[in-house]
Amino acid sequence: MKNPKLVLSLIFLTLTLFGATLYAGDDDTKKLKGDNIQIEVDGISCPFCAYGLEKKLKALDSIDQLDIDLNEGLIKITLKKGKEISQKDVKEKVAEAGFTLRKLIVDGKEYEINEQESDSK
């Protein structure tokens, strides 16, 4: 080995990139299943807005029912029996409708929202 510092730097860089790649997709792709799913969305202010978001979310085949509270910006989701949903799918549909996902809560457990991905769409 001619340059041990270079070898150690390459090993560190490889481990750092590999670890970041593993962490980046962890919460987004994880399938979520629960009886009480709630999302908090910024930007919903009128029934027309709510209808647009409802159409986008109901396009996901796992969603059975939605209850949208305009005043709170809160959407309660009921999944079809035996179905699951991913945070990534929810974030994408909310962004497609022109809104920003702020919170995702499943059976009382709040999932962290990656602000960069959520705001960049």
C-alpha atoms as a PDB file:
ATOM      1  CA  MET A   1       0.000   0.000   0.000  1.00  0.00           C
ATOM      2  CA  LYS A   2       1.526   3.203  -1.162  1.00  0.00           C
ATOM      3  CA  ASN A   3      -0.919   5.630   0.452  1.00  0.00           C
ATOM      4  CA  PRO A   4      -2.784   4.347   3.532  1.00  0.00           C
ATOM      5  CA  LYS A   5      -4.538   7.715   4.030  1.00  0.00           C
ATOM      6  CA  LEU A   6      -6.078   7.436   0.567  1.00  0.00           C
ATOM      7  CA  VAL A   7      -7.263   3.878   1.239  1.00  0.00           C
ATOM      8  CA  LEU A   8      -8.788   4.872   4.583  1.00  0.00           C
ATOM      9  CA  SER A   9     -10.461   7.903   2.990  1.00  0.00           C
ATOM     10  CA  LEU A  10     -11.990   5.731   0.265  1.00  0.00           C
ATOM     11  CA  ILE A  11     -13.247   3.204   2.809  1.00  0.00           C
ATOM     12  CA  PHE A  12     -14.790   5.982   4.918  1.00  0.00           C
ATOM     13  CA  LEU A  13     -16.407   7.582   1.876  1.00  0.00           C
ATOM     14  CA  THR A  14     -17.846   4.249   0.725  1.00  0.00           C
ATOM     15  CA  LEU A  15     -19.296   3.464   4.146  1.00  0.00           C
ATOM     16  CA  THR A  16     -20.742   6.965   4.477  1.00  0.00           C
ATOM     17  CA  LEU A  17     -22.443   6.855   1.077  1.00  0.00           C
ATOM     18  CA  PHE A  18     -23.735   3.320   1.635  1.00  0.00           C
ATOM     19  CA  GLY A  19     -25.146   4.228   5.050  1.00  0.00           C
ATOM     20  CA  ALA A  20     -26.815   7.391   3.724  1.00  0.00           C
ATOM     21  CA  THR A  21     -28.411   5.407   0.907  1.00  0.00           C
ATOM     22  CA  LEU A  22     -29.823   2.863   3.331  1.00  0.00           C
ATOM     23  CA  TYR A  23     -31.156   5.551   5.655  1.00  0.00           C
ATOM     24  CA  ALA A  24     -32.677   7.737   2.929  1.00  0.00           C
ATOM     25  CA  GLY A  25     -35.286   5.201   1.859  1.00  0.00           C
ATOM     26  CA  ASP A  26     -36.067   3.696   5.221  1.00  0.00           C
ATOM     27  CA  ASP A  27     -39.204   5.585   6.293  1.00  0.00           C
ATOM     28  CA  ASP A  28     -40.424   6.463   2.812  1.00  0.00           C
ATOM     29  CA  THR A  29     -40.754   2.946   1.453  1.00  0.00           C
ATOM     30  CA  LYS A  30     -41.805   1.219   4.659  1.00  0.00           C
ATOM     31  CA  LYS A  31     -45.353  -0.084   4.381  1.00  0.00           C
ATOM     32  CA  LEU A  32     -47.678   1.371   6.978  1.00  0.00           C
ATOM     33  CA  LYS A  33     -50.708  -0.456   8.289  1.00  0.00           C
ATOM     34  CA  GLY A  34     -53.074   0.753  10.956  1.00  0.00           C
ATOM     35  CA  ASP A  35     -56.604   1.469  12.043  1.00  0.00           C
ATOM     36  CA  ASN A  36     -56.018   5.164  12.729  1.00  0.00           C
ATOM     37  CA  ILE A  37     -54.029   6.934   9.999  1.00  0.00           C
ATOM     38  CA  GLN A  38     -53.944  10.721   9.956  1.00  0.00           C
ATOM     39  CA  ILE A  39     -52.051  13.159   7.791  1.00  0.00           C
ATOM     40  CA  GLU A  40     -51.644  16.881   8.312  1.00  0.00           C
ATOM     41  CA  VAL A  41     -51.423  18.946   5.141  1.00  0.00           C
ATOM     42  CA  ASP A  42     -50.573  22.610   4.605  1.00  0.00           C
ATOM     43  CA  GLY A  43     -52.568  24.616   2.096  1.00  0.00           C
ATOM     44  CA  ILE A  44     -56.075  23.148   2.236  1.00  0.00           C
ATOM     45  CA  SER A  45     -58.458  26.082   2.543  1.00  0.00           C
ATOM     46  CA  CYS A  46     -61.626  25.322   0.582  1.00  0.00           C
ATOM     47  CA  PRO A  47     -63.870  22.417  -0.423  1.00  0.00           C
ATOM     48  CA  PHE A  48     -62.476  22.507  -3.966  1.00  0.00           C
ATOM     49  CA  CYS A  49     -58.937  22.044  -2.592  1.00  0.00           C
ATOM     50  CA  ALA A  50     -60.123  19.173  -0.442  1.00  0.00           C
ATOM     51  CA  TYR A  51     -61.836  17.514  -3.399  1.00  0.00           C
ATOM     52  CA  GLY A  52     -58.652  17.689  -5.494  1.00  0.00           C
ATOM     53  CA  LEU A  53     -56.624  16.109  -2.706  1.00  0.00           C
ATOM     54  CA  GLU A  54     -59.301  13.479  -2.117  1.00  0.00           C
ATOM     55  CA  LYS A  55     -59.188  12.445  -5.778  1.00  0.00           C
ATOM     56  CA  LYS A  56     -55.392  12.072  -5.699  1.00  0.00           C
ATOM     57  CA  LEU A  57     -55.355  10.064  -2.467  1.00  0.00           C
ATOM     58  CA  LYS A  58     -58.259   7.814  -3.496  1.00  0.00           C
ATOM     59  CA  ALA A  59     -56.249   6.888  -6.585  1.00  0.00           C
ATOM     60  CA  LEU A  60     -54.187   4.737  -4.203  1.00  0.00           C
ATOM     61  CA  ASP A  61     -55.865   1.333  -4.253  1.00  0.00           C
ATOM     62  CA  SER A  62     -55.277   0.736  -0.540  1.00  0.00           C
ATOM     63  CA  ILE A  63     -57.434   3.683   0.605  1.00  0.00           C
ATOM     64  CA  ASP A  64     -61.061   2.926   1.410  1.00  0.00           C
ATOM     65  CA  GLN A  65     -62.293   6.160   2.972  1.00  0.00           C
ATOM     66  CA  LEU A  66     -61.129   9.720   3.694  1.00  0.00           C
ATOM     67  CA  ASP A  67     -62.433  12.303   6.148  1.00  0.00           C
ATOM     68  CA  ILE A  68     -61.033  15.793   5.533  1.00  0.00           C
ATOM     69  CA  ASP A  69     -61.188  18.529   8.183  1.00  0.00           C
ATOM     70  CA  LEU A  70     -60.585  21.823   6.332  1.00  0.00           C
ATOM     71  CA  ASN A  71     -60.137  23.891   9.493  1.00  0.00           C
ATOM     72  CA  GLU A  72     -57.374  21.677  10.865  1.00  0.00           C
ATOM     73  CA  GLY A  73     -55.817  20.592   7.554  1.00  0.00           C
ATOM     74  CA  LEU A  74     -56.222  17.054   8.845  1.00  0.00           C
ATOM     75  CA  ILE A  75     -57.141  13.996   6.802  1.00  0.00           C
ATOM     76  CA  LYS A  76     -58.214  10.749   8.452  1.00  0.00           C
ATOM     77  CA  ILE A  77     -57.575   7.735   6.249  1.00  0.00           C
ATOM     78  CA  THR A  78     -59.254   4.341   6.435  1.00  0.00           C
ATOM     79  CA  LEU A  79     -57.478   1.573   4.573  1.00  0.00           C
ATOM     80  CA  LYS A  80     -59.185  -1.320   2.858  1.00  0.00           C
ATOM     81  CA  LYS A  81     -59.102  -4.499   4.911  1.00  0.00           C
ATOM     82  CA  GLY A  82     -55.658  -6.114   4.824  1.00  0.00           C
ATOM     83  CA  LYS A  83     -54.078  -3.263   2.843  1.00  0.00           C
ATOM     84  CA  GLU A  84     -50.983  -1.182   3.559  1.00  0.00           C
ATOM     85  CA  ILE A  85     -49.700   2.185   2.379  1.00  0.00           C
ATOM     86  CA  SER A  86     -46.237   3.762   2.170  1.00  0.00           C
ATOM     87  CA  GLN A  87     -45.205   7.228   3.291  1.00  0.00           C
ATOM     88  CA  LYS A  88     -43.708   7.754  -0.169  1.00  0.00           C
ATOM     89  CA  ASP A  89     -47.063   7.124  -1.872  1.00  0.00           C
ATOM     90  CA  VAL A  90     -48.868   9.519   0.464  1.00  0.00           C
ATOM     91  CA  LYS A  91     -46.235  12.254   0.010  1.00  0.00           C
ATOM     92  CA  GLU A  92     -46.355  11.899  -3.774  1.00  0.00           C
ATOM     93  CA  LYS A  93     -50.152  12.146  -3.970  1.00  0.00           C
ATOM     94  CA  VAL A  94     -50.263  15.137  -1.604  1.00  0.00           C
ATOM     95  CA  ALA A  95     -47.579  16.893  -3.686  1.00  0.00           C
ATOM     96  CA  GLU A  96     -49.389  16.045  -6.952  1.00  0.00           C
ATOM     97  CA  ALA A  97     -52.456  17.793  -5.545  1.00  0.00           C
ATOM     98  CA  GLY A  98     -50.319  20.878  -4.813  1.00  0.00           C
ATOM     99  CA  PHE A  99     -50.042  20.598  -1.037  1.00  0.00           C
ATOM    100  CA  THR A 100     -47.320  19.948   1.526  1.00  0.00           C
ATOM    101  CA  LEU A 101     -47.403  16.932   3.841  1.00  0.00           C
ATOM    102  CA  ARG A 102     -46.494  18.014   7.373  1.00  0.00           C
ATOM    103  CA  LYS A 103     -47.373  15.031   9.564  1.00  0.00           C
ATOM    104  CA  LEU A 104     -48.120  11.355   9.137  1.00  0.00           C
ATOM    105  CA  ILE A 105     -49.474   9.572  12.201  1.00  0.00           C
ATOM    106  CA  VAL A 106     -50.308   5.865  12.265  1.00  0.00           C
ATOM    107  CA  ASP A 107     -51.973   4.480  15.394  1.00  0.00           C
ATOM    108  CA  GLY A 108     -50.458   7.279  17.470  1.00  0.00           C
ATOM    109  CA  LYS A 109     -46.905   6.949  16.064  1.00  0.00           C
ATOM    110  CA  GLU A 110     -45.719  10.040  14.184  1.00  0.00           C
ATOM    111  CA  TYR A 111     -43.415   9.430  11.234  1.00  0.00           C
ATOM    112  CA  GLU A 112     -40.760  11.983  10.346  1.00  0.00           C
ATOM    113  CA  ILE A 113     -41.352  13.817   7.076  1.00  0.00           C
ATOM    114  CA  ASN A 114     -38.299  14.611   4.962  1.00  0.00           C
ATOM    115  CA  GLU A 115     -38.790  18.353   4.414  1.00  0.00           C
ATOM    116  CA  GLN A 116     -36.588  18.589   1.316  1.00  0.00           C
ATOM    117  CA  GLU A 117     -38.526  15.941  -0.581  1.00  0.00           C
ATOM    118  CA  SER A 118     -41.901  17.156   0.637  1.00  0.00           C
ATOM    119  CA  ASP A 119     -41.296  20.824  -0.237  1.00  0.00           C
ATOM    120  CA  SER A 120     -39.459  20.297  -3.510  1.00  0.00           C
ATOM    121  CA  LYS A 121     -42.427  18.979  -5.473  1.00  0.00           C
END
